[in-house]
């Protein structure tokens, strides 16, 4: 009887491990696809609604509403900004730089609006909340 219980316990443990691995692989794949979409969005003229549609095709609603998605979006914005404006002396054409910065900021605002992130992550400025 105990050999049978050990067999069932081993089978159950193996099933739990396989389910966990499948979930982990799916999560990593989703992150990779969403990172690619966000990078493409900030480096091209893709409209925010098209990004929304494509993101909803590859990721669950739960993932798109998570802080993890928000952090991926901010990281993609920062990467695009760093690529566009490397740390060096300001260029001679300050007007073009300001226009490029404004474009990136408008794209970030459109992304936040598309995914409803505008108010959820805003700092309230209440005393004691830092």
C-alpha atoms as a PDB file:
ATOM      1  CA  UNK A   1       0.000   0.000   0.000  1.00  0.00           C
ATOM      2  CA  UNK A   2       2.788   2.443   0.864  1.00  0.00           C
ATOM      3  CA  UNK A   3       4.503   1.744  -2.481  1.00  0.00           C
ATOM      4  CA  UNK A   4       1.273   2.724  -4.206  1.00  0.00           C
ATOM      5  CA  UNK A   5       1.066   5.972  -2.173  1.00  0.00           C
ATOM      6  CA  UNK A   6       4.675   6.830  -3.011  1.00  0.00           C
ATOM      7  CA  UNK A   7       3.906   6.274  -6.710  1.00  0.00           C
ATOM      8  CA  UNK A   8       0.842   8.529  -6.549  1.00  0.00           C
ATOM      9  CA  UNK A   9       2.811  11.206  -4.674  1.00  0.00           C
ATOM     10  CA  UNK A  10       5.615  11.062  -7.248  1.00  0.00           C
ATOM     11  CA  UNK A  11       3.137  11.282 -10.130  1.00  0.00           C
ATOM     12  CA  UNK A  12       1.367  14.201  -8.469  1.00  0.00           C
ATOM     13  CA  UNK A  13       4.670  16.021  -7.869  1.00  0.00           C
ATOM     14  CA  UNK A  14       5.695  15.455 -11.486  1.00  0.00           C
ATOM     15  CA  UNK A  15       2.359  16.813 -12.715  1.00  0.00           C
ATOM     16  CA  UNK A  16       2.675  19.918 -10.532  1.00  0.00           C
ATOM     17  CA  UNK A  17       6.212  20.528 -11.796  1.00  0.00           C
ATOM     18  CA  UNK A  18       5.156  20.124 -15.434  1.00  0.00           C
ATOM     19  CA  UNK A  19       2.226  22.512 -15.001  1.00  0.00           C
ATOM     20  CA  UNK A  20       4.514  25.034 -13.292  1.00  0.00           C
ATOM     21  CA  UNK A  21       7.066  24.791 -16.096  1.00  0.00           C
ATOM     22  CA  UNK A  22       4.384  25.220 -18.758  1.00  0.00           C
ATOM     23  CA  UNK A  23       3.042  28.302 -16.969  1.00  0.00           C
ATOM     24  CA  UNK A  24       6.550  29.742 -16.597  1.00  0.00           C
ATOM     25  CA  UNK A  25       7.390  29.173 -20.296  1.00  0.00           C
ATOM     26  CA  UNK A  26       4.120  30.805 -21.355  1.00  0.00           C
ATOM     27  CA  UNK A  27       4.803  33.808 -19.115  1.00  0.00           C
ATOM     28  CA  UNK A  28       8.335  34.237 -20.475  1.00  0.00           C
ATOM     29  CA  UNK A  29       7.056  33.956 -24.054  1.00  0.00           C
ATOM     30  CA  UNK A  30       4.373  36.560 -23.393  1.00  0.00           C
ATOM     31  CA  UNK A  31       6.930  38.927 -21.860  1.00  0.00           C
ATOM     32  CA  UNK A  32       9.237  38.507 -24.849  1.00  0.00           C
ATOM     33  CA  UNK A  33       6.457  39.155 -27.369  1.00  0.00           C
ATOM     34  CA  UNK A  34       5.150  42.186 -25.481  1.00  0.00           C
ATOM     35  CA  UNK A  35       8.684  43.625 -25.139  1.00  0.00           C
ATOM     36  CA  UNK A  36       9.090  43.304 -28.898  1.00  0.00           C
ATOM     37  CA  UNK A  37       5.775  45.020 -29.571  1.00  0.00           C
ATOM     38  CA  UNK A  38       6.568  47.858 -27.168  1.00  0.00           C
ATOM     39  CA  UNK A  39      10.015  48.347 -28.688  1.00  0.00           C
ATOM     40  CA  UNK A  40       8.503  48.428 -32.159  1.00  0.00           C
ATOM     41  CA  UNK A  41       5.846  50.897 -30.983  1.00  0.00           C
ATOM     42  CA  UNK A  42       8.344  53.406 -29.610  1.00  0.00           C
ATOM     43  CA  UNK A  43      10.708  53.089 -32.567  1.00  0.00           C
ATOM     44  CA  UNK A  44       8.117  53.381 -35.331  1.00  0.00           C
ATOM     45  CA  UNK A  45       4.903  55.162 -36.233  1.00  0.00           C
ATOM     46  CA  UNK A  46       2.609  52.342 -35.096  1.00  0.00           C
ATOM     47  CA  UNK A  47      -0.618  53.822 -33.668  1.00  0.00           C
ATOM     48  CA  UNK A  48      -1.451  53.045 -30.034  1.00  0.00           C
ATOM     49  CA  UNK A  49      -4.708  51.293 -30.971  1.00  0.00           C
ATOM     50  CA  UNK A  50      -2.811  48.909 -33.245  1.00  0.00           C
ATOM     51  CA  UNK A  51      -0.378  48.202 -30.392  1.00  0.00           C
ATOM     52  CA  UNK A  52      -3.379  47.543 -28.152  1.00  0.00           C
ATOM     53  CA  UNK A  53      -4.905  45.088 -30.604  1.00  0.00           C
ATOM     54  CA  UNK A  54      -1.641  43.241 -31.195  1.00  0.00           C
ATOM     55  CA  UNK A  55      -0.871  43.108 -27.457  1.00  0.00           C
ATOM     56  CA  UNK A  56      -4.314  41.716 -26.684  1.00  0.00           C
ATOM     57  CA  UNK A  57      -3.705  39.026 -29.299  1.00  0.00           C
ATOM     58  CA  UNK A  58      -0.573  37.754 -27.519  1.00  0.00           C
ATOM     59  CA  UNK A  59      -1.232  38.507 -23.836  1.00  0.00           C
ATOM     60  CA  UNK A  60      -4.052  37.972 -21.397  1.00  0.00           C
ATOM     61  CA  UNK A  61      -6.100  40.813 -19.983  1.00  0.00           C
ATOM     62  CA  UNK A  62      -4.698  39.995 -16.551  1.00  0.00           C
ATOM     63  CA  UNK A  63      -1.130  40.487 -17.812  1.00  0.00           C
ATOM     64  CA  UNK A  64      -1.975  43.737 -19.616  1.00  0.00           C
ATOM     65  CA  UNK A  65      -3.471  45.169 -16.432  1.00  0.00           C
ATOM     66  CA  UNK A  66      -0.551  44.099 -14.259  1.00  0.00           C
ATOM     67  CA  UNK A  67       2.251  46.233 -12.861  1.00  0.00           C
ATOM     68  CA  UNK A  68       4.593  43.948 -14.800  1.00  0.00           C
ATOM     69  CA  UNK A  69       3.189  45.227 -18.104  1.00  0.00           C
ATOM     70  CA  UNK A  70       3.505  48.797 -16.856  1.00  0.00           C
ATOM     71  CA  UNK A  71       7.153  48.223 -15.990  1.00  0.00           C
ATOM     72  CA  UNK A  72       7.795  46.687 -19.438  1.00  0.00           C
ATOM     73  CA  UNK A  73       6.192  49.745 -21.068  1.00  0.00           C
ATOM     74  CA  UNK A  74       8.312  52.176 -19.052  1.00  0.00           C
ATOM     75  CA  UNK A  75      11.467  50.136 -19.758  1.00  0.00           C
ATOM     76  CA  UNK A  76      10.706  50.188 -23.506  1.00  0.00           C
ATOM     77  CA  UNK A  77      10.152  53.953 -23.351  1.00  0.00           C
ATOM     78  CA  UNK A  78      13.437  54.420 -21.491  1.00  0.00           C
ATOM     79  CA  UNK A  79      15.299  52.225 -23.995  1.00  0.00           C
ATOM     80  CA  UNK A  80      13.884  54.204 -26.920  1.00  0.00           C
ATOM     81  CA  UNK A  81      14.800  57.465 -25.203  1.00  0.00           C
ATOM     82  CA  UNK A  82      18.350  56.285 -24.444  1.00  0.00           C
ATOM     83  CA  UNK A  83      18.823  55.077 -28.015  1.00  0.00           C
ATOM     84  CA  UNK A  84      17.552  58.346 -29.464  1.00  0.00           C
ATOM     85  CA  UNK A  85      19.453  60.599 -27.051  1.00  0.00           C
ATOM     86  CA  UNK A  86      22.733  59.009 -25.974  1.00  0.00           C
ATOM     87  CA  UNK A  87      24.544  60.537 -23.005  1.00  0.00           C
ATOM     88  CA  UNK A  88      26.718  63.118 -24.674  1.00  0.00           C
ATOM     89  CA  UNK A  89      26.773  66.828 -25.263  1.00  0.00           C
ATOM     90  CA  UNK A  90      23.433  68.236 -26.452  1.00  0.00           C
ATOM     91  CA  UNK A  91      23.161  68.438 -30.198  1.00  0.00           C
ATOM     92  CA  UNK A  92      23.280  71.760 -31.972  1.00  0.00           C
ATOM     93  CA  UNK A  93      19.697  71.388 -33.175  1.00  0.00           C
ATOM     94  CA  UNK A  94      17.857  71.839 -29.887  1.00  0.00           C
ATOM     95  CA  UNK A  95      14.508  72.313 -31.628  1.00  0.00           C
ATOM     96  CA  UNK A  96      14.711  68.908 -33.331  1.00  0.00           C
ATOM     97  CA  UNK A  97      15.709  67.285 -30.028  1.00  0.00           C
ATOM     98  CA  UNK A  98      12.736  68.848 -28.246  1.00  0.00           C
ATOM     99  CA  UNK A  99      10.423  67.679 -31.024  1.00  0.00           C
ATOM    100  CA  UNK A 100      11.774  64.121 -30.749  1.00  0.00           C
ATOM    101  CA  UNK A 101      11.395  64.189 -26.954  1.00  0.00           C
ATOM    102  CA  UNK A 102       7.835  65.469 -27.319  1.00  0.00           C
ATOM    103  CA  UNK A 103       7.047  62.718 -29.817  1.00  0.00           C
ATOM    104  CA  UNK A 104       8.263  60.034 -27.412  1.00  0.00           C
ATOM    105  CA  UNK A 105       6.308  61.566 -24.528  1.00  0.00           C
ATOM    106  CA  UNK A 106       3.129  61.723 -26.648  1.00  0.00           C
ATOM    107  CA  UNK A 107       3.604  58.065 -27.577  1.00  0.00           C
ATOM    108  CA  UNK A 108       3.960  57.143 -23.893  1.00  0.00           C
ATOM    109  CA  UNK A 109       0.812  59.128 -23.060  1.00  0.00           C
ATOM    110  CA  UNK A 110      -1.100  57.409 -25.894  1.00  0.00           C
ATOM    111  CA  UNK A 111       0.079  54.003 -24.648  1.00  0.00           C
ATOM    112  CA  UNK A 112      -1.062  54.792 -21.105  1.00  0.00           C
ATOM    113  CA  UNK A 113      -4.431  55.930 -22.399  1.00  0.00           C
ATOM    114  CA  UNK A 114      -4.861  52.850 -24.612  1.00  0.00           C
ATOM    115  CA  UNK A 115      -4.210  50.478 -21.710  1.00  0.00           C
ATOM    116  CA  UNK A 116      -5.900  52.564 -19.025  1.00  0.00           C
ATOM    117  CA  UNK A 117      -2.708  53.178 -17.088  1.00  0.00           C
ATOM    118  CA  UNK A 118      -3.128  56.923 -16.715  1.00  0.00           C
ATOM    119  CA  UNK A 119      -4.755  57.057 -13.289  1.00  0.00           C
ATOM    120  CA  UNK A 120      -3.861  53.685 -11.803  1.00  0.00           C
ATOM    121  CA  UNK A 121      -0.192  54.449 -11.240  1.00  0.00           C
ATOM    122  CA  UNK A 122      -0.323  58.166 -10.513  1.00  0.00           C
ATOM    123  CA  UNK A 123       1.382  59.370  -7.344  1.00  0.00           C
ATOM    124  CA  UNK A 124      -1.297  60.791  -5.092  1.00  0.00           C
ATOM    125  CA  UNK A 125       0.979  63.183  -3.226  1.00  0.00           C
ATOM    126  CA  UNK A 126      -0.658  62.410   0.087  1.00  0.00           C
ATOM    127  CA  UNK A 127       1.368  62.927   3.257  1.00  0.00           C
ATOM    128  CA  UNK A 128       3.064  59.732   4.397  1.00  0.00           C
ATOM    129  CA  UNK A 129       2.985  58.102   0.945  1.00  0.00           C
ATOM    130  CA  UNK A 130       6.451  58.135  -0.534  1.00  0.00           C
END
